[in-house]
Structures are given as structure tokens and as C-alpha cells.
Amino acid sequence: MNTDKIYAEAIANEYAPKDTSKVLALKKLDRKAKNKANIFAYTFGIVMTLVLGTGMCLSMGILGDGSAVIMGCGIALGILGIAGVGMNYPIYKKLLNAGKEKYAFEILQLAREISESAE
């Protein structure tokens, strides 16, 4: 039954008026810390997926004339796409950690101020 109480408090907090500028500033800092990593991950992931798909189409003969040269280029593009898609998450985590480290002091200080004023 304790989870019901936690759930109810979370819903109530979501609808409670957020007139304190510190809470909004904390949310903005959190977004700022994560924004660069998210933008990179989505952009790089989409581009590498398209490279992988283009490579697959070339190697299967959907695009191009189906010659051995085009098929070889398609396989090379497919491997490049697979490598890019595989590297997307580790790069994302590295960028996310860098963003969190950059804003950690400000976020912790602001969160501490908010929690002290709430008591």
C-alpha cells in the first residue's frame, strides 16, 4: 500500500502549482545537462540507420544495377552503418556523463536549497 501513497504524491506534485523559480531553474539545468547528448544520439542514430539501410539496398540489388562493385559498396556501407549504430549508445553515455559533470555542482546546490526550504 506504500506504493499507492508514493504514486498519489507523485501525481499531486505534478499538478501542484510550481510558483517557485528554483524548481523551474532546476528543471532547466537538468534539461541543459542532457540536451546535447539527446540531440546527438537521435541525429547520429538516424543517419547511421539510413546508411545501414542504403547499404542493405545496394547489396541486395534494390538500388543500383546489381553489379559486383555496387554490391561490394553496399556491403561496405552496411558495415559502416552497423558500426555507427553500435557506437551510438557508448558515445551517448559519454556525452551524457560529461553534461552531468558540467552542471552537477549547480544542480546539487539548487536541489539542496529547494529541499531545505521545503522543510
PDB file of N, CA and C in Angstrom:
ATOM      1  N   MET A   1       0.805  -1.187   0.000  1.00  0.00           N
ATOM      2  CA  MET A   1       0.000   0.000   0.000  1.00  0.00           C
ATOM      3  C   MET A   1       0.855   1.260   0.000  1.00  0.00           C
ATOM      4  N   ASN A   2       2.120   1.122   0.372  1.00  0.00           N
ATOM      5  CA  ASN A   2       3.012   2.273   0.390  1.00  0.00           C
ATOM      6  C   ASN A   2       3.237   2.821  -1.018  1.00  0.00           C
ATOM      7  N   THR A   3       3.209   1.944  -2.014  1.00  0.00           N
ATOM      8  CA  THR A   3       3.389   2.406  -3.392  1.00  0.00           C
ATOM      9  C   THR A   3       2.222   3.262  -3.853  1.00  0.00           C
ATOM     10  N   ASP A   4       1.019   2.991  -3.314  1.00  0.00           N
ATOM     11  CA  ASP A   4      -0.135   3.827  -3.653  1.00  0.00           C
ATOM     12  C   ASP A   4       0.075   5.257  -3.165  1.00  0.00           C
ATOM     13  N   LYS A   5       0.623   5.374  -1.968  1.00  0.00           N
ATOM     14  CA  LYS A   5       0.883   6.700  -1.390  1.00  0.00           C
ATOM     15  C   LYS A   5       1.931   7.449  -2.221  1.00  0.00           C
ATOM     16  N   ILE A   6       2.988   6.746  -2.617  1.00  0.00           N
ATOM     17  CA  ILE A   6       4.042   7.364  -3.423  1.00  0.00           C
ATOM     18  C   ILE A   6       3.487   7.798  -4.766  1.00  0.00           C
ATOM     19  N   TYR A   7       2.665   6.947  -5.361  1.00  0.00           N
ATOM     20  CA  TYR A   7       2.052   7.272  -6.654  1.00  0.00           C
ATOM     21  C   TYR A   7       1.138   8.483  -6.534  1.00  0.00           C
ATOM     22  N   ALA A   8       0.343   8.515  -5.468  1.00  0.00           N
ATOM     23  CA  ALA A   8      -0.574   9.645  -5.262  1.00  0.00           C
ATOM     24  C   ALA A   8       0.195  10.948  -5.057  1.00  0.00           C
ATOM     25  N   GLU A   9       1.293  10.886  -4.309  1.00  0.00           N
ATOM     26  CA  GLU A   9       2.105  12.085  -4.091  1.00  0.00           C
ATOM     27  C   GLU A   9       2.752  12.553  -5.391  1.00  0.00           C
ATOM     28  N   ALA A  10       3.189  11.612  -6.221  1.00  0.00           N
ATOM     29  CA  ALA A  10       3.798  11.981  -7.497  1.00  0.00           C
ATOM     30  C   ALA A  10       2.789  12.665  -8.401  1.00  0.00           C
ATOM     31  N   ILE A  11       1.585  12.152  -8.443  1.00  0.00           N
ATOM     32  CA  ILE A  11       0.534  12.772  -9.253  1.00  0.00           C
ATOM     33  C   ILE A  11       0.181  14.149  -8.694  1.00  0.00           C
ATOM     34  N   ALA A  12       0.067  14.254  -7.373  1.00  0.00           N
ATOM     35  CA  ALA A  12      -0.265  15.541  -6.756  1.00  0.00           C
ATOM     36  C   ALA A  12       0.825  16.572  -7.027  1.00  0.00           C
ATOM     37  N   ASN A  13       2.081  16.157  -6.960  1.00  0.00           N
ATOM     38  CA  ASN A  13       3.189  17.080  -7.241  1.00  0.00           C
ATOM     39  C   ASN A  13       3.180  17.546  -8.684  1.00  0.00           C
ATOM     40  N   GLU A  14       2.739  16.675  -9.570  1.00  0.00           N
ATOM     41  CA  GLU A  14       2.698  17.032 -10.984  1.00  0.00           C
ATOM     42  C   GLU A  14       1.680  18.140 -11.247  1.00  0.00           C
ATOM     43  N   TYR A  15       0.564  18.109 -10.509  1.00  0.00           N
ATOM     44  CA  TYR A  15      -0.495  19.085 -10.726  1.00  0.00           C
ATOM     45  C   TYR A  15      -0.423  20.287  -9.788  1.00  0.00           C
ATOM     46  N   ALA A  16       0.450  20.238  -8.821  1.00  0.00           N
ATOM     47  CA  ALA A  16       0.582  21.352  -7.884  1.00  0.00           C
ATOM     48  C   ALA A  16       1.210  22.547  -8.606  1.00  0.00           C
ATOM     49  N   PRO A  17       0.796  23.755  -8.250  1.00  0.00           N
ATOM     50  CA  PRO A  17       1.378  24.933  -8.908  1.00  0.00           C
ATOM     51  C   PRO A  17       2.862  25.055  -8.576  1.00  0.00           C
ATOM     52  N   LYS A  18       3.635  25.293  -9.588  1.00  0.00           N
ATOM     53  CA  LYS A  18       5.077  25.408  -9.424  1.00  0.00           C
ATOM     54  C   LYS A  18       5.461  26.881  -9.535  1.00  0.00           C
ATOM     55  N   ASP A  19       5.178  27.610  -8.467  1.00  0.00           N
ATOM     56  CA  ASP A  19       5.429  29.034  -8.491  1.00  0.00           C
ATOM     57  C   ASP A  19       6.861  29.369  -8.103  1.00  0.00           C
ATOM     58  N   THR A  20       7.603  28.388  -7.603  1.00  0.00           N
ATOM     59  CA  THR A  20       8.973  28.689  -7.219  1.00  0.00           C
ATOM     60  C   THR A  20       9.861  28.669  -8.446  1.00  0.00           C
ATOM     61  N   SER A  21      10.620  29.685  -8.576  1.00  0.00           N
ATOM     62  CA  SER A  21      11.511  29.762  -9.733  1.00  0.00           C
ATOM     63  C   SER A  21      12.681  28.805  -9.588  1.00  0.00           C
ATOM     64  N   LYS A  22      12.978  28.382  -8.365  1.00  0.00           N
ATOM     65  CA  LYS A  22      14.088  27.450  -8.166  1.00  0.00           C
ATOM     66  C   LYS A  22      13.790  26.092  -8.782  1.00  0.00           C
ATOM     67  N   VAL A  23      12.540  25.647  -8.685  1.00  0.00           N
ATOM     68  CA  VAL A  23      12.168  24.357  -9.279  1.00  0.00           C
ATOM     69  C   VAL A  23      12.286  24.443 -10.799  1.00  0.00           C
ATOM     70  N   LEU A  24      11.811  25.534 -11.370  1.00  0.00           N
ATOM     71  CA  LEU A  24      11.923  25.708 -12.818  1.00  0.00           C
ATOM     72  C   LEU A  24      13.377  25.809 -13.248  1.00  0.00           C
ATOM     73  N   ALA A  25      14.185  26.513 -12.456  1.00  0.00           N
ATOM     74  CA  ALA A  25      15.612  26.617 -12.778  1.00  0.00           C
ATOM     75  C   ALA A  25      16.285  25.255 -12.705  1.00  0.00           C
ATOM     76  N   LEU A  26      15.873  24.441 -11.739  1.00  0.00           N
ATOM     77  CA  LEU A  26      16.435  23.090 -11.613  1.00  0.00           C
ATOM     78  C   LEU A  26      16.075  22.233 -12.823  1.00  0.00           C
ATOM     79  N   LYS A  27      14.816  22.328 -13.276  1.00  0.00           N
ATOM     80  CA  LYS A  27      14.404  21.575 -14.459  1.00  0.00           C
ATOM     81  C   LYS A  27      15.164  22.039 -15.698  1.00  0.00           C
ATOM     82  N   LYS A  28      15.379  23.346 -15.829  1.00  0.00           N
ATOM     83  CA  LYS A  28      16.122  23.869 -16.980  1.00  0.00           C
ATOM     84  C   LYS A  28      17.561  23.389 -16.959  1.00  0.00           C
ATOM     85  N   LEU A  29      18.190  23.381 -15.782  1.00  0.00           N
ATOM     86  CA  LEU A  29      19.568  22.889 -15.687  1.00  0.00           C
ATOM     87  C   LEU A  29      19.643  21.406 -16.034  1.00  0.00           C
ATOM     88  N   ASP A  30      18.658  20.633 -15.595  1.00  0.00           N
ATOM     89  CA  ASP A  30      18.639  19.210 -15.908  1.00  0.00           C
ATOM     90  C   ASP A  30      18.504  18.990 -17.407  1.00  0.00           C
ATOM     91  N   ARG A  31      17.602  19.753 -18.030  1.00  0.00           N
ATOM     92  CA  ARG A  31      17.441  19.654 -19.486  1.00  0.00           C
ATOM     93  C   ARG A  31      18.721  20.058 -20.210  1.00  0.00           C
ATOM     94  N   LYS A  32      19.355  21.111 -19.713  1.00  0.00           N
ATOM     95  CA  LYS A  32      20.579  21.604 -20.341  1.00  0.00           C
ATOM     96  C   LYS A  32      21.698  20.562 -20.247  1.00  0.00           C
ATOM     97  N   ALA A  33      21.757  19.853 -19.132  1.00  0.00           N
ATOM     98  CA  ALA A  33      22.785  18.830 -18.945  1.00  0.00           C
ATOM     99  C   ALA A  33      22.588  17.648 -19.895  1.00  0.00           C
ATOM    100  N   LYS A  34      21.329  17.330 -20.234  1.00  0.00           N
ATOM    101  CA  LYS A  34      21.035  16.159 -21.054  1.00  0.00           C
ATOM    102  C   LYS A  34      20.799  16.477 -22.525  1.00  0.00           C
ATOM    103  N   ASN A  35      20.598  17.736 -22.857  1.00  0.00           N
ATOM    104  CA  ASN A  35      20.171  18.120 -24.203  1.00  0.00           C
ATOM    105  C   ASN A  35      21.186  17.746 -25.293  1.00  0.00           C
ATOM    106  N   LYS A  36      22.452  18.049 -25.074  1.00  0.00           N
ATOM    107  CA  LYS A  36      23.480  17.784 -26.090  1.00  0.00           C
ATOM    108  C   LYS A  36      23.569  16.289 -26.415  1.00  0.00           C
ATOM    109  N   ALA A  37      23.522  15.465 -25.382  1.00  0.00           N
ATOM    110  CA  ALA A  37      23.612  14.015 -25.591  1.00  0.00           C
ATOM    111  C   ALA A  37      22.388  13.491 -26.339  1.00  0.00           C
ATOM    112  N   ASN A  38      21.209  13.989 -25.996  1.00  0.00           N
ATOM    113  CA  ASN A  38      19.988  13.527 -26.660  1.00  0.00           C
ATOM    114  C   ASN A  38      19.966  13.925 -28.133  1.00  0.00           C
ATOM    115  N   ILE A  39      20.312  15.166 -28.419  1.00  0.00           N
ATOM    116  CA  ILE A  39      20.323  15.623 -29.811  1.00  0.00           C
ATOM    117  C   ILE A  39      21.312  14.808 -30.624  1.00  0.00           C
ATOM    118  N   PHE A  40      22.499  14.582 -30.079  1.00  0.00           N
ATOM    119  CA  PHE A  40      23.492  13.788 -30.800  1.00  0.00           C
ATOM    120  C   PHE A  40      22.990  12.372 -31.041  1.00  0.00           C
ATOM    121  N   ALA A  41      22.447  11.736 -30.007  1.00  0.00           N
ATOM    122  CA  ALA A  41      22.033  10.333 -30.127  1.00  0.00           C
ATOM    123  C   ALA A  41      20.959  10.157 -31.193  1.00  0.00           C
ATOM    124  N   TYR A  42      19.966  11.033 -31.189  1.00  0.00           N
ATOM    125  CA  TYR A  42      18.908  10.916 -32.194  1.00  0.00           C
ATOM    126  C   TYR A  42      19.442  11.183 -33.603  1.00  0.00           C
ATOM    127  N   THR A  43      20.211  12.237 -33.760  1.00  0.00           N
ATOM    128  CA  THR A  43      20.717  12.597 -35.086  1.00  0.00           C
ATOM    129  C   THR A  43      21.657  11.524 -35.627  1.00  0.00           C
ATOM    130  N   PHE A  44      22.634  11.138 -34.829  1.00  0.00           N
ATOM    131  CA  PHE A  44      23.613  10.145 -35.267  1.00  0.00           C
ATOM    132  C   PHE A  44      22.943   8.795 -35.504  1.00  0.00           C
ATOM    133  N   GLY A  45      22.002   8.429 -34.648  1.00  0.00           N
ATOM    134  CA  GLY A  45      21.301   7.158 -34.819  1.00  0.00           C
ATOM    135  C   GLY A  45      20.494   7.113 -36.102  1.00  0.00           C
ATOM    136  N   ILE A  46      19.802   8.208 -36.419  1.00  0.00           N
ATOM    137  CA  ILE A  46      19.014   8.260 -37.653  1.00  0.00           C
ATOM    138  C   ILE A  46      19.924   8.190 -38.876  1.00  0.00           C
ATOM    139  N   VAL A  47      21.004   8.954 -38.858  1.00  0.00           N
ATOM    140  CA  VAL A  47      21.915   8.971 -40.009  1.00  0.00           C
ATOM    141  C   VAL A  47      22.539   7.591 -40.219  1.00  0.00           C
ATOM    142  N   MET A  48      23.000   6.964 -39.148  1.00  0.00           N
ATOM    143  CA  MET A  48      23.637   5.650 -39.293  1.00  0.00           C
ATOM    144  C   MET A  48      22.629   4.575 -39.693  1.00  0.00           C
ATOM    145  N   THR A  49      21.392   4.696 -39.257  1.00  0.00           N
ATOM    146  CA  THR A  49      20.362   3.757 -39.691  1.00  0.00           C
ATOM    147  C   THR A  49      20.094   3.900 -41.180  1.00  0.00           C
ATOM    148  N   LEU A  50      20.073   5.133 -41.656  1.00  0.00           N
ATOM    149  CA  LEU A  50      19.884   5.353 -43.097  1.00  0.00           C
ATOM    150  C   LEU A  50      21.072   4.832 -43.898  1.00  0.00           C
ATOM    151  N   VAL A  51      22.278   4.993 -43.385  1.00  0.00           N
ATOM    152  CA  VAL A  51      23.467   4.452 -44.057  1.00  0.00           C
ATOM    153  C   VAL A  51      23.370   2.930 -44.116  1.00  0.00           C
ATOM    154  N   LEU A  52      22.989   2.309 -43.005  1.00  0.00           N
ATOM    155  CA  LEU A  52      22.838   0.856 -42.967  1.00  0.00           C
ATOM    156  C   LEU A  52      21.773   0.387 -43.963  1.00  0.00           C
ATOM    157  N   GLY A  53      20.648   1.077 -43.998  1.00  0.00           N
ATOM    158  CA  GLY A  53      19.584   0.697 -44.927  1.00  0.00           C
ATOM    159  C   GLY A  53      19.982   0.870 -46.380  1.00  0.00           C
ATOM    160  N   THR A  54      20.698   1.953 -46.672  1.00  0.00           N
ATOM    161  CA  THR A  54      21.178   2.169 -48.041  1.00  0.00           C
ATOM    162  C   THR A  54      22.160   1.077 -48.437  1.00  0.00           C
ATOM    163  N   GLY A  55      23.037   0.712 -47.525  1.00  0.00           N
ATOM    164  CA  GLY A  55      23.984  -0.368 -47.796  1.00  0.00           C
ATOM    165  C   GLY A  55      23.278  -1.689 -48.054  1.00  0.00           C
ATOM    166  N   MET A  56      22.252  -1.963 -47.282  1.00  0.00           N
ATOM    167  CA  MET A  56      21.487  -3.194 -47.490  1.00  0.00           C
ATOM    168  C   MET A  56      20.808  -3.189 -48.856  1.00  0.00           C
ATOM    169  N   CYS A  57      20.218  -2.047 -49.228  1.00  0.00           N
ATOM    170  CA  CYS A  57      19.539  -1.959 -50.530  1.00  0.00           C
ATOM    171  C   CYS A  57      20.524  -2.121 -51.682  1.00  0.00           C
ATOM    172  N   LEU A  58      21.703  -1.535 -51.546  1.00  0.00           N
ATOM    173  CA  LEU A  58      22.710  -1.685 -52.598  1.00  0.00           C
ATOM    174  C   LEU A  58      23.206  -3.124 -52.691  1.00  0.00           C
ATOM    175  N   SER A  59      23.427  -3.756 -51.561  1.00  0.00           N
ATOM    176  CA  SER A  59      23.970  -5.122 -51.603  1.00  0.00           C
ATOM    177  C   SER A  59      22.938  -6.146 -52.079  1.00  0.00           C
ATOM    178  N   MET A  60      21.650  -5.862 -51.901  1.00  0.00           N
ATOM    179  CA  MET A  60      20.612  -6.791 -52.359  1.00  0.00           C
ATOM    180  C   MET A  60      20.152  -6.489 -53.777  1.00  0.00           C
ATOM    181  N   GLY A  61      20.640  -5.425 -54.363  1.00  0.00           N
ATOM    182  CA  GLY A  61      20.269  -5.101 -55.733  1.00  0.00           C
ATOM    183  C   GLY A  61      18.993  -4.297 -55.862  1.00  0.00           C
ATOM    184  N   ILE A  62      18.441  -3.808 -54.773  1.00  0.00           N
ATOM    185  CA  ILE A  62      17.240  -2.974 -54.833  1.00  0.00           C
ATOM    186  C   ILE A  62      17.594  -1.636 -55.471  1.00  0.00           C
ATOM    187  N   LEU A  63      18.714  -1.082 -55.062  1.00  0.00           N
ATOM    188  CA  LEU A  63      19.251   0.146 -55.674  1.00  0.00           C
ATOM    189  C   LEU A  63      20.456  -0.235 -56.528  1.00  0.00           C
ATOM    190  N   GLY A  64      20.699   0.506 -57.544  1.00  0.00           N
ATOM    191  CA  GLY A  64      21.852   0.233 -58.411  1.00  0.00           C
ATOM    192  C   GLY A  64      21.544  -0.839 -59.431  1.00  0.00           C
ATOM    193  N   ASP A  65      22.579  -1.197 -60.182  1.00  0.00           N
ATOM    194  CA  ASP A  65      22.376  -2.163 -61.272  1.00  0.00           C
ATOM    195  C   ASP A  65      22.655  -3.605 -60.857  1.00  0.00           C
ATOM    196  N   GLY A  66      23.028  -3.841 -59.616  1.00  0.00           N
ATOM    197  CA  GLY A  66      23.242  -5.201 -59.141  1.00  0.00           C
ATOM    198  C   GLY A  66      24.603  -5.770 -59.478  1.00  0.00           C
ATOM    199  N   SER A  67      25.528  -4.952 -59.938  1.00  0.00           N
ATOM    200  CA  SER A  67      26.866  -5.460 -60.269  1.00  0.00           C
ATOM    201  C   SER A  67      27.642  -5.766 -58.990  1.00  0.00           C
ATOM    202  N   ALA A  68      28.745  -6.446 -59.169  1.00  0.00           N
ATOM    203  CA  ALA A  68      29.568  -6.847 -58.030  1.00  0.00           C
ATOM    204  C   ALA A  68      30.176  -5.638 -57.323  1.00  0.00           C
ATOM    205  N   VAL A  69      30.503  -4.588 -58.088  1.00  0.00           N
ATOM    206  CA  VAL A  69      31.086  -3.381 -57.497  1.00  0.00           C
ATOM    207  C   VAL A  69      30.057  -2.690 -56.595  1.00  0.00           C
ATOM    208  N   ILE A  70      28.831  -2.561 -57.090  1.00  0.00           N
ATOM    209  CA  ILE A  70      27.763  -1.930 -56.307  1.00  0.00           C
ATOM    210  C   ILE A  70      27.461  -2.779 -55.074  1.00  0.00           C
ATOM    211  N   MET A  71      27.466  -4.087 -55.253  1.00  0.00           N
ATOM    212  CA  MET A  71      27.218  -4.979 -54.120  1.00  0.00           C
ATOM    213  C   MET A  71      28.320  -4.825 -53.061  1.00  0.00           C
ATOM    214  N   GLY A  72      29.562  -4.717 -53.478  1.00  0.00           N
ATOM    215  CA  GLY A  72      30.678  -4.510 -52.545  1.00  0.00           C
ATOM    216  C   GLY A  72      30.559  -3.184 -51.810  1.00  0.00           C
ATOM    217  N   CYS A  73      30.166  -2.134 -52.549  1.00  0.00           N
ATOM    218  CA  CYS A  73      29.951  -0.827 -51.912  1.00  0.00           C
ATOM    219  C   CYS A  73      28.808  -0.910 -50.908  1.00  0.00           C
ATOM    220  N   GLY A  74      27.775  -1.651 -51.248  1.00  0.00           N
ATOM    221  CA  GLY A  74      26.644  -1.824 -50.333  1.00  0.00           C
ATOM    222  C   GLY A  74      27.045  -2.540 -49.058  1.00  0.00           C
ATOM    223  N   ILE A  75      27.874  -3.570 -49.200  1.00  0.00           N
ATOM    224  CA  ILE A  75      28.338  -4.294 -48.015  1.00  0.00           C
ATOM    225  C   ILE A  75      29.191  -3.381 -47.140  1.00  0.00           C
ATOM    226  N   ALA A  76      30.067  -2.591 -47.779  1.00  0.00           N
ATOM    227  CA  ALA A  76      30.900  -1.660 -47.017  1.00  0.00           C
ATOM    228  C   ALA A  76      30.038  -0.617 -46.294  1.00  0.00           C
ATOM    229  N   LEU A  77      29.032  -0.082 -46.970  1.00  0.00           N
ATOM    230  CA  LEU A  77      28.131   0.880 -46.335  1.00  0.00           C
ATOM    231  C   LEU A  77      27.351   0.231 -45.193  1.00  0.00           C
ATOM    232  N   GLY A  78      26.931  -1.001 -45.391  1.00  0.00           N
ATOM    233  CA  GLY A  78      26.207  -1.715 -44.345  1.00  0.00           C
ATOM    234  C   GLY A  78      27.057  -1.919 -43.101  1.00  0.00           C
ATOM    235  N   ILE A  79      28.306  -2.285 -43.302  1.00  0.00           N
ATOM    236  CA  ILE A  79      29.222  -2.474 -42.167  1.00  0.00           C
ATOM    237  C   ILE A  79      29.466  -1.145 -41.456  1.00  0.00           C
ATOM    238  N   LEU A  80      29.629  -0.072 -42.227  1.00  0.00           N
ATOM    239  CA  LEU A  80      29.794   1.257 -41.633  1.00  0.00           C
ATOM    240  C   LEU A  80      28.553   1.639 -40.812  1.00  0.00           C
ATOM    241  N   GLY A  81      27.373   1.359 -41.346  1.00  0.00           N
ATOM    242  CA  GLY A  81      26.134   1.649 -40.631  1.00  0.00           C
ATOM    243  C   GLY A  81      25.997   0.838 -39.356  1.00  0.00           C
ATOM    244  N   ILE A  82      26.351  -0.437 -39.416  1.00  0.00           N
ATOM    245  CA  ILE A  82      26.290  -1.288 -38.223  1.00  0.00           C
ATOM    246  C   ILE A  82      27.251  -0.778 -37.160  1.00  0.00           C
ATOM    247  N   ALA A  83      28.455  -0.395 -37.578  1.00  0.00           N
ATOM    248  CA  ALA A  83      29.433   0.141 -36.618  1.00  0.00           C
ATOM    249  C   ALA A  83      28.923   1.441 -35.993  1.00  0.00           C
ATOM    250  N   GLY A  84      28.341   2.299 -36.804  1.00  0.00           N
ATOM    251  CA  GLY A  84      27.819   3.567 -36.286  1.00  0.00           C
ATOM    252  C   GLY A  84      26.673   3.371 -35.318  1.00  0.00           C
ATOM    253  N   VAL A  85      25.755   2.487 -35.672  1.00  0.00           N
ATOM    254  CA  VAL A  85      24.626   2.206 -34.780  1.00  0.00           C
ATOM    255  C   VAL A  85      25.121   1.582 -33.478  1.00  0.00           C
ATOM    256  N   GLY A  86      26.109   0.723 -33.580  1.00  0.00           N
ATOM    257  CA  GLY A  86      26.669   0.085 -32.387  1.00  0.00           C
ATOM    258  C   GLY A  86      27.407   1.054 -31.481  1.00  0.00           C
ATOM    259  N   MET A  87      28.008   2.077 -32.054  1.00  0.00           N
ATOM    260  CA  MET A  87      28.761   3.053 -31.264  1.00  0.00           C
ATOM    261  C   MET A  87      27.881   4.186 -30.731  1.00  0.00           C
ATOM    262  N   ASN A  88      26.648   4.266 -31.164  1.00  0.00           N
ATOM    263  CA  ASN A  88      25.787   5.378 -30.773  1.00  0.00           C
ATOM    264  C   ASN A  88      25.574   5.426 -29.260  1.00  0.00           C
ATOM    265  N   TYR A  89      25.235   4.328 -28.648  1.00  0.00           N
ATOM    266  CA  TYR A  89      24.942   4.335 -27.214  1.00  0.00           C
ATOM    267  C   TYR A  89      26.172   4.652 -26.356  1.00  0.00           C
ATOM    268  N   PRO A  90      27.342   4.060 -26.610  1.00  0.00           N
ATOM    269  CA  PRO A  90      28.509   4.444 -25.797  1.00  0.00           C
ATOM    270  C   PRO A  90      28.867   5.934 -25.932  1.00  0.00           C
ATOM    271  N   ILE A  91      28.730   6.466 -27.126  1.00  0.00           N
ATOM    272  CA  ILE A  91      29.007   7.899 -27.303  1.00  0.00           C
ATOM    273  C   ILE A  91      27.965   8.725 -26.557  1.00  0.00           C
ATOM    274  N   TYR A  92      26.708   8.303 -26.624  1.00  0.00           N
ATOM    275  CA  TYR A  92      25.638   8.989 -25.902  1.00  0.00           C
ATOM    276  C   TYR A  92      25.928   9.008 -24.401  1.00  0.00           C
ATOM    277  N   LYS A  93      26.292   7.866 -23.840  1.00  0.00           N
ATOM    278  CA  LYS A  93      26.580   7.795 -22.409  1.00  0.00           C
ATOM    279  C   LYS A  93      27.750   8.699 -22.031  1.00  0.00           C
ATOM    280  N   LYS A  94      28.765   8.752 -22.879  1.00  0.00           N
ATOM    281  CA  LYS A  94      29.918   9.605 -22.601  1.00  0.00           C
ATOM    282  C   LYS A  94      29.516  11.080 -22.612  1.00  0.00           C
ATOM    283  N   LEU A  95      28.718  11.487 -23.598  1.00  0.00           N
ATOM    284  CA  LEU A  95      28.247  12.873 -23.662  1.00  0.00           C
ATOM    285  C   LEU A  95      27.315  13.199 -22.499  1.00  0.00           C
ATOM    286  N   LEU A  96      26.463  12.246 -22.122  1.00  0.00           N
ATOM    287  CA  LEU A  96      25.548  12.457 -21.013  1.00  0.00           C
ATOM    288  C   LEU A  96      26.312  12.639 -19.701  1.00  0.00           C
ATOM    289  N   ASN A  97      27.299  11.800 -19.471  1.00  0.00           N
ATOM    290  CA  ASN A  97      28.105  11.928 -18.258  1.00  0.00           C
ATOM    291  C   ASN A  97      28.874  13.243 -18.233  1.00  0.00           C
ATOM    292  N   ALA A  98      29.369  13.680 -19.391  1.00  0.00           N
ATOM    293  CA  ALA A  98      30.079  14.955 -19.454  1.00  0.00           C
ATOM    294  C   ALA A  98      29.130  16.110 -19.132  1.00  0.00           C
ATOM    295  N   GLY A  99      27.920  16.058 -19.658  1.00  0.00           N
ATOM    296  CA  GLY A  99      26.938  17.094 -19.360  1.00  0.00           C
ATOM    297  C   GLY A  99      26.540  17.101 -17.900  1.00  0.00           C
ATOM    298  N   LYS A 100      26.386  15.912 -17.318  1.00  0.00           N
ATOM    299  CA  LYS A 100      26.034  15.833 -15.903  1.00  0.00           C
ATOM    300  C   LYS A 100      27.169  16.360 -15.027  1.00  0.00           C
ATOM    301  N   GLU A 101      28.402  16.037 -15.381  1.00  0.00           N
ATOM    302  CA  GLU A 101      29.545  16.543 -14.612  1.00  0.00           C
ATOM    303  C   GLU A 101      29.652  18.060 -14.703  1.00  0.00           C
ATOM    304  N   LYS A 102      29.342  18.596 -15.870  1.00  0.00           N
ATOM    305  CA  LYS A 102      29.450  20.032 -16.083  1.00  0.00           C
ATOM    306  C   LYS A 102      28.476  20.809 -15.200  1.00  0.00           C
ATOM    307  N   TYR A 103      27.261  20.301 -15.040  1.00  0.00           N
ATOM    308  CA  TYR A 103      26.226  21.009 -14.295  1.00  0.00           C
ATOM    309  C   TYR A 103      25.937  20.398 -12.928  1.00  0.00           C
ATOM    310  N   ALA A 104      26.715  19.417 -12.495  1.00  0.00           N
ATOM    311  CA  ALA A 104      26.432  18.706 -11.244  1.00  0.00           C
ATOM    312  C   ALA A 104      26.448  19.640 -10.043  1.00  0.00           C
ATOM    313  N   PHE A 105      27.435  20.489  -9.948  1.00  0.00           N
ATOM    314  CA  PHE A 105      27.542  21.360  -8.780  1.00  0.00           C
ATOM    315  C   PHE A 105      26.337  22.278  -8.671  1.00  0.00           C
ATOM    316  N   GLU A 106      25.962  22.906  -9.785  1.00  0.00           N
ATOM    317  CA  GLU A 106      24.825  23.829  -9.766  1.00  0.00           C
ATOM    318  C   GLU A 106      23.523  23.100  -9.440  1.00  0.00           C
ATOM    319  N   ILE A 107      23.335  21.928 -10.032  1.00  0.00           N
ATOM    320  CA  ILE A 107      22.105  21.163  -9.807  1.00  0.00           C
ATOM    321  C   ILE A 107      22.013  20.711  -8.353  1.00  0.00           C
ATOM    322  N   LEU A 108      23.108  20.191  -7.816  1.00  0.00           N
ATOM    323  CA  LEU A 108      23.094  19.729  -6.425  1.00  0.00           C
ATOM    324  C   LEU A 108      22.873  20.887  -5.456  1.00  0.00           C
ATOM    325  N   GLN A 109      23.499  22.014  -5.731  1.00  0.00           N
ATOM    326  CA  GLN A 109      23.330  23.173  -4.866  1.00  0.00           C
ATOM    327  C   GLN A 109      21.880  23.667  -4.889  1.00  0.00           C
ATOM    328  N   LEU A 110      21.308  23.757  -6.061  1.00  0.00           N
ATOM    329  CA  LEU A 110      19.926  24.214  -6.192  1.00  0.00           C
ATOM    330  C   LEU A 110      18.956  23.205  -5.579  1.00  0.00           C
ATOM    331  N   ALA A 111      19.195  21.929  -5.780  1.00  0.00           N
ATOM    332  CA  ALA A 111      18.331  20.903  -5.195  1.00  0.00           C
ATOM    333  C   ALA A 111      18.413  20.942  -3.666  1.00  0.00           C
ATOM    334  N   ARG A 112      19.594  21.172  -3.143  1.00  0.00           N
ATOM    335  CA  ARG A 112      19.762  21.276  -1.695  1.00  0.00           C
ATOM    336  C   ARG A 112      18.990  22.478  -1.152  1.00  0.00           C
ATOM    337  N   GLU A 113      19.059  23.609  -1.850  1.00  0.00           N
ATOM    338  CA  GLU A 113      18.318  24.801  -1.439  1.00  0.00           C
ATOM    339  C   GLU A 113      16.815  24.537  -1.440  1.00  0.00           C
ATOM    340  N   ILE A 114      16.339  23.865  -2.460  1.00  0.00           N
ATOM    341  CA  ILE A 114      14.905  23.564  -2.548  1.00  0.00           C
ATOM    342  C   ILE A 114      14.474  22.640  -1.425  1.00  0.00           C
ATOM    343  N   SER A 115      15.256  21.611  -1.164  1.00  0.00           N
ATOM    344  CA  SER A 115      14.875  20.658  -0.120  1.00  0.00           C
ATOM    345  C   SER A 115      14.960  21.287   1.268  1.00  0.00           C
ATOM    346  N   GLU A 116      15.894  22.195   1.490  1.00  0.00           N
ATOM    347  CA  GLU A 116      15.997  22.870   2.785  1.00  0.00           C
ATOM    348  C   GLU A 116      14.838  23.841   2.995  1.00  0.00           C
ATOM    349  N   SER A 117      14.408  24.499   1.930  1.00  0.00           N
ATOM    350  CA  SER A 117      13.305  25.445   2.076  1.00  0.00           C
ATOM    351  C   SER A 117      11.966  24.727   2.213  1.00  0.00           C
ATOM    352  N   ALA A 118      11.878  23.476   1.779  1.00  0.00           N
ATOM    353  CA  ALA A 118      10.637  22.715   1.874  1.00  0.00           C
ATOM    354  C   ALA A 118      10.417  22.181   3.289  1.00  0.00           C
ATOM    355  N   GLU A 119      11.481  22.079   4.065  1.00  0.00           N
ATOM    356  CA  GLU A 119      11.363  21.523   5.416  1.00  0.00           C
ATOM    357  C   GLU A 119      10.873  22.519   6.368  1.00  0.00           C
TER     358      GLU A 119
END
